[in-house]
Amino acid sequence: MRRWVLRGGRCWIFLVIALVGISSPAVRGQVAVPQLLFTLSSPDDLSQLTVGQTAHFSVSLSGLGSSDSLVTLTSGVSFDASLLGTPTASAAGAIVPNPLNDPLDFQTTNLAGEADASFATVSNSMSKQITTNGVFYTFNLVAQAPGSGTIDFDSLALIAELFDSSNPGAPILLFPDAGKGLSYTITSSGSGNPGGGGGGSVPLPIAWQAALGTALLFPALRRRAGFLPSGSARHM
């Protein structure tokens, strides 16, 4: 049987398979092999993130045929931990069976700079396998510091196994392709645009500021020097 191990936050496969009947990653018998593709998306404007802002991400699968089903699927996304920290709110997407054959069939691993998910089932029932294209998992990232970078797939973590009804104990090993990464830019929170357009108060000329300051301070200076009657001073 197959056993998946999450080591160091990255999904690594350790396949324990008998020497006979090892499947080919291309085609075995008359089974047509789909060309799977992972894509990464976000509804947020990643070019204008600010420190403290939460960005939402989805990892989606495409390329699975209408008669295909997967008993294994893993994906891993990497990014700069100093800028985006540790993923939060990781969750299974719509293509993951619900309910699962076993609660451990789907797992996520969230470490600094990594957002991973793995699905692996020993069930031969298609209702407990991945049979459709769509969102595999979702996660959030919180902007930690100003800077720019790219959120990208880790090609070593992209693995799938296609169920073969003619040989259920030996699924076909596949290596999905990875879509383009997502670039992002983080700016300091509350950063303004001093003296420029786009709103905000217009600074007074320096001479006006000096005159206004003198006018406001003059009565207090006169009282302190004794030029105003004591009865004219307001009590706090």
Protein backbone atom coordinates (compact mmCIF):
# COMPACT_ATOMS: atom_id res chain seq x y z
CA MET A 1 0.00 0.00 0.00
CA ARG A 2 1.01 3.61 -0.48
CA ARG A 3 1.97 5.77 2.46
CA TRP A 4 2.32 9.55 2.28
CA VAL A 5 4.66 11.30 4.66
CA LEU A 6 4.64 15.04 5.37
CA ARG A 7 8.26 15.87 6.07
CA GLY A 8 9.50 19.39 6.79
CA GLY A 9 6.23 20.91 5.61
CA ARG A 10 6.64 19.56 2.07
CA CYS A 11 4.69 16.62 0.72
CA TRP A 12 7.10 13.84 -0.16
CA ILE A 13 5.89 10.53 -1.57
CA PHE A 14 7.20 7.22 -0.37
CA LEU A 15 5.69 4.52 -2.53
CA VAL A 16 5.88 0.97 -1.25
CA ILE A 17 4.93 -1.11 -4.29
CA ALA A 18 5.62 -4.74 -5.18
CA LEU A 19 8.21 -5.17 -7.92
CA VAL A 20 5.61 -6.82 -10.13
CA GLY A 21 2.94 -4.66 -11.71
CA ILE A 22 4.72 -1.31 -11.25
CA SER A 23 2.75 1.23 -13.28
CA SER A 24 4.15 3.39 -16.03
CA PRO A 25 3.89 7.19 -15.74
CA ALA A 26 2.86 7.35 -19.39
CA VAL A 27 0.34 4.71 -20.50
CA ARG A 28 -0.46 1.26 -19.20
CA GLY A 29 -2.57 -1.03 -21.32
CA GLN A 30 -5.48 0.84 -22.87
CA VAL A 31 -5.74 3.52 -20.16
CA ALA A 32 -5.52 7.03 -21.59
CA VAL A 33 -3.51 9.32 -19.32
CA PRO A 34 -4.75 12.89 -18.78
CA GLN A 35 -2.43 15.89 -18.80
CA LEU A 36 -3.12 17.50 -15.45
CA LEU A 37 -2.44 21.15 -14.64
CA PHE A 38 -2.34 23.05 -11.35
CA THR A 39 -3.11 26.77 -11.36
CA LEU A 40 -2.90 29.38 -8.62
CA SER A 41 -5.34 32.28 -8.36
CA SER A 42 -6.40 35.08 -6.02
CA PRO A 43 -9.39 37.46 -6.05
CA ASP A 44 -7.27 40.18 -4.43
CA ASP A 45 -5.15 42.87 -6.09
CA LEU A 46 -1.71 41.47 -5.25
CA SER A 47 0.06 44.48 -6.74
CA GLN A 48 -1.18 46.76 -3.96
CA LEU A 49 -1.08 44.78 -0.72
CA THR A 50 -0.39 46.62 2.52
CA VAL A 51 1.23 45.32 5.68
CA GLY A 52 -1.38 43.47 7.74
CA GLN A 53 -3.68 42.80 4.79
CA THR A 54 -4.95 39.24 4.21
CA ALA A 55 -4.78 37.80 0.69
CA HIS A 56 -6.81 34.76 -0.37
CA PHE A 57 -5.56 32.01 -2.68
CA SER A 58 -6.94 28.95 -4.48
CA VAL A 59 -5.05 26.02 -5.99
CA SER A 60 -7.09 24.45 -8.80
CA LEU A 61 -6.80 21.31 -10.92
CA SER A 62 -7.66 20.99 -14.60
CA GLY A 63 -7.20 18.37 -17.32
CA LEU A 64 -9.00 15.48 -15.62
CA GLY A 65 -11.23 13.59 -18.06
CA SER A 66 -14.89 12.85 -17.44
CA SER A 67 -14.18 9.16 -16.85
CA ASP A 68 -10.96 9.69 -14.88
CA SER A 69 -10.51 9.53 -11.12
CA LEU A 70 -7.54 10.16 -8.85
CA VAL A 71 -6.64 8.25 -5.70
CA THR A 72 -3.72 10.55 -4.97
CA LEU A 73 -3.12 14.25 -5.52
CA THR A 74 -0.54 16.54 -3.89
CA SER A 75 0.44 20.15 -4.41
CA GLY A 76 2.88 22.56 -2.79
CA VAL A 77 3.23 26.34 -3.02
CA SER A 78 6.30 28.31 -1.93
CA PHE A 79 6.83 31.99 -1.11
CA ASP A 80 9.03 34.37 0.90
CA ALA A 81 8.18 33.76 4.56
CA SER A 82 9.67 37.10 5.63
CA LEU A 83 7.08 38.89 3.50
CA LEU A 84 4.05 36.57 3.74
CA GLY A 85 4.63 34.55 6.91
CA THR A 86 2.75 31.30 7.53
CA PRO A 87 -0.49 30.29 5.74
CA THR A 88 -3.77 30.44 7.64
CA ALA A 89 -7.28 29.10 7.09
CA SER A 90 -6.23 26.25 4.80
CA ALA A 91 -9.21 24.20 3.65
CA ALA A 92 -10.21 21.51 1.17
CA GLY A 93 -11.68 22.65 -2.13
CA ALA A 94 -14.79 21.45 -3.91
CA ILE A 95 -13.09 18.56 -5.76
CA VAL A 96 -12.08 16.79 -2.53
CA PRO A 97 -14.65 14.08 -1.64
CA ASN A 98 -16.99 14.98 1.19
CA PRO A 99 -17.25 12.91 3.26
CA LEU A 100 -13.81 11.35 2.92
CA ASN A 101 -13.24 7.62 3.03
CA ASP A 102 -10.94 8.31 5.98
CA PRO A 103 -10.50 11.64 7.82
CA LEU A 104 -6.77 11.46 7.09
CA ASP A 105 -7.25 11.14 3.32
CA PHE A 106 -6.89 14.92 3.01
CA GLN A 107 -4.23 16.89 4.89
CA THR A 108 -2.71 20.36 4.75
CA THR A 109 0.65 21.47 6.05
CA ASN A 110 1.23 25.14 6.80
CA LEU A 111 4.76 26.26 7.62
CA ALA A 112 6.56 29.54 7.07
CA GLY A 113 6.94 29.93 3.30
CA GLU A 114 4.93 26.80 2.40
CA ALA A 115 1.28 25.98 1.73
CA ASP A 116 0.84 22.28 0.93
CA ALA A 117 -2.05 19.85 0.59
CA SER A 118 -2.26 16.12 -0.07
CA PHE A 119 -5.07 13.72 -0.88
CA ALA A 120 -4.56 9.95 -0.81
CA THR A 121 -7.17 7.24 -0.46
CA VAL A 122 -7.14 3.45 -0.58
CA SER A 123 -10.81 3.33 -1.53
CA ASN A 124 -11.76 1.81 -4.88
CA SER A 125 -15.06 3.69 -4.87
CA MET A 126 -15.15 6.65 -7.25
CA SER A 127 -17.31 8.54 -4.77
CA LYS A 128 -14.27 8.65 -2.47
CA GLN A 129 -11.83 9.64 -5.21
CA ILE A 130 -11.23 12.94 -7.01
CA THR A 131 -13.32 12.85 -10.18
CA THR A 132 -13.71 16.49 -11.23
CA ASN A 133 -11.68 19.56 -12.06
CA GLY A 134 -11.82 22.61 -9.82
CA VAL A 135 -10.44 23.99 -6.57
CA PHE A 136 -8.21 21.51 -4.72
CA TYR A 137 -7.51 23.67 -1.67
CA THR A 138 -7.50 27.25 -0.44
CA PHE A 139 -5.35 29.23 1.99
CA ASN A 140 -4.75 32.77 3.21
CA LEU A 141 -1.56 34.79 3.61
CA VAL A 142 -1.06 37.95 5.68
CA ALA A 143 1.38 40.58 4.41
CA GLN A 144 4.20 40.90 6.95
CA ALA A 145 6.57 43.55 5.58
CA PRO A 146 7.10 45.78 2.54
CA GLY A 147 8.63 44.07 -0.47
CA SER A 148 7.93 42.18 -3.68
CA GLY A 149 8.08 38.54 -4.72
CA THR A 150 6.36 35.61 -6.38
CA ILE A 151 4.15 32.85 -5.03
CA ASP A 152 4.97 29.75 -7.05
CA PHE A 153 4.47 26.00 -7.23
CA ASP A 154 7.12 23.58 -6.03
CA SER A 155 7.40 21.13 -8.94
CA LEU A 156 8.67 18.36 -6.64
CA ALA A 157 5.39 18.41 -4.73
CA LEU A 158 3.08 18.03 -7.75
CA ILE A 159 2.10 14.37 -7.97
CA ALA A 160 -1.04 12.42 -8.84
CA GLU A 161 -2.11 8.79 -9.19
CA LEU A 162 -4.78 7.80 -11.69
CA PHE A 163 -7.10 4.99 -10.63
CA ASP A 164 -7.04 1.98 -12.99
CA SER A 165 -10.12 -0.17 -12.60
CA SER A 166 -8.37 -3.04 -14.42
CA ASN A 167 -5.65 -3.05 -11.78
CA PRO A 168 -6.95 -1.22 -8.69
CA GLY A 169 -3.92 -2.01 -6.58
CA ALA A 170 -1.48 -0.25 -8.90
CA PRO A 171 -2.61 3.22 -9.96
CA ILE A 172 -0.81 5.13 -12.71
CA LEU A 173 1.71 7.68 -11.48
CA LEU A 174 1.36 11.16 -13.02
CA PHE A 175 3.26 14.44 -12.71
CA PRO A 176 0.94 17.43 -13.18
CA ASP A 177 2.21 20.60 -14.80
CA ALA A 178 2.34 23.87 -12.89
CA GLY A 179 0.78 27.12 -14.01
CA LYS A 180 2.43 30.52 -13.66
CA GLY A 181 3.18 31.92 -10.25
CA LEU A 182 1.58 35.08 -8.87
CA SER A 183 3.64 38.23 -8.34
CA TYR A 184 2.86 40.55 -5.45
CA THR A 185 3.96 43.86 -3.98
CA ILE A 186 3.52 44.91 -0.35
CA THR A 187 3.69 48.52 0.82
CA SER A 188 3.74 49.94 4.33
CA SER A 189 0.31 50.22 5.92
CA GLY A 190 -1.08 53.74 6.03
CA SER A 191 1.57 55.12 3.69
CA GLY A 192 0.45 58.50 2.43
CA ASN A 193 1.30 60.80 -0.43
CA PRO A 194 2.70 63.94 1.25
CA GLY A 195 2.22 67.16 -0.65
CA GLY A 196 0.89 65.33 -3.73
CA GLY A 197 -2.49 64.90 -5.34
CA GLY A 198 -5.08 62.32 -4.53
CA GLY A 199 -6.66 63.92 -1.51
CA GLY A 200 -5.52 65.00 1.93
CA SER A 201 -5.04 68.47 3.39
CA VAL A 202 -2.86 71.00 1.57
CA PRO A 203 -0.01 72.30 3.79
CA LEU A 204 -0.01 76.03 4.54
CA PRO A 205 2.94 78.12 3.39
CA ILE A 206 5.70 78.28 6.01
CA ALA A 207 5.21 82.04 6.59
CA TRP A 208 1.49 81.51 7.25
CA GLN A 209 2.23 78.67 9.67
CA ALA A 210 4.63 80.92 11.61
CA ALA A 211 2.14 83.79 11.76
CA LEU A 212 -0.69 81.54 12.88
CA GLY A 213 1.47 79.96 15.57
CA THR A 214 2.49 83.37 16.92
CA ALA A 215 -1.13 84.56 17.02
CA LEU A 216 -2.21 81.50 18.99
CA LEU A 217 0.65 81.74 21.47
CA PHE A 218 0.66 85.54 21.95
CA PRO A 219 -2.14 85.79 24.61
CA ALA A 220 -0.49 83.10 26.71
CA LEU A 221 2.88 84.85 26.49
CA ARG A 222 1.33 88.17 27.54
CA ARG A 223 -0.39 86.57 30.56
CA ARG A 224 2.85 84.93 31.61
CA ALA A 225 4.65 88.29 31.35
CA GLY A 226 1.93 90.00 33.41
CA PHE A 227 0.59 92.27 30.64
CA LEU A 228 -3.00 90.97 30.99
CA PRO A 229 -5.13 91.42 34.15
CA SER A 230 -5.23 88.31 36.23
CA GLY A 231 -8.99 88.18 35.96
CA SER A 232 -8.77 87.82 32.19
CA ALA A 233 -6.94 84.51 32.37
CA ARG A 234 -9.16 81.43 32.05
CA HIS A 235 -8.96 78.79 34.72
CA MET A 236 -8.53 75.25 33.42
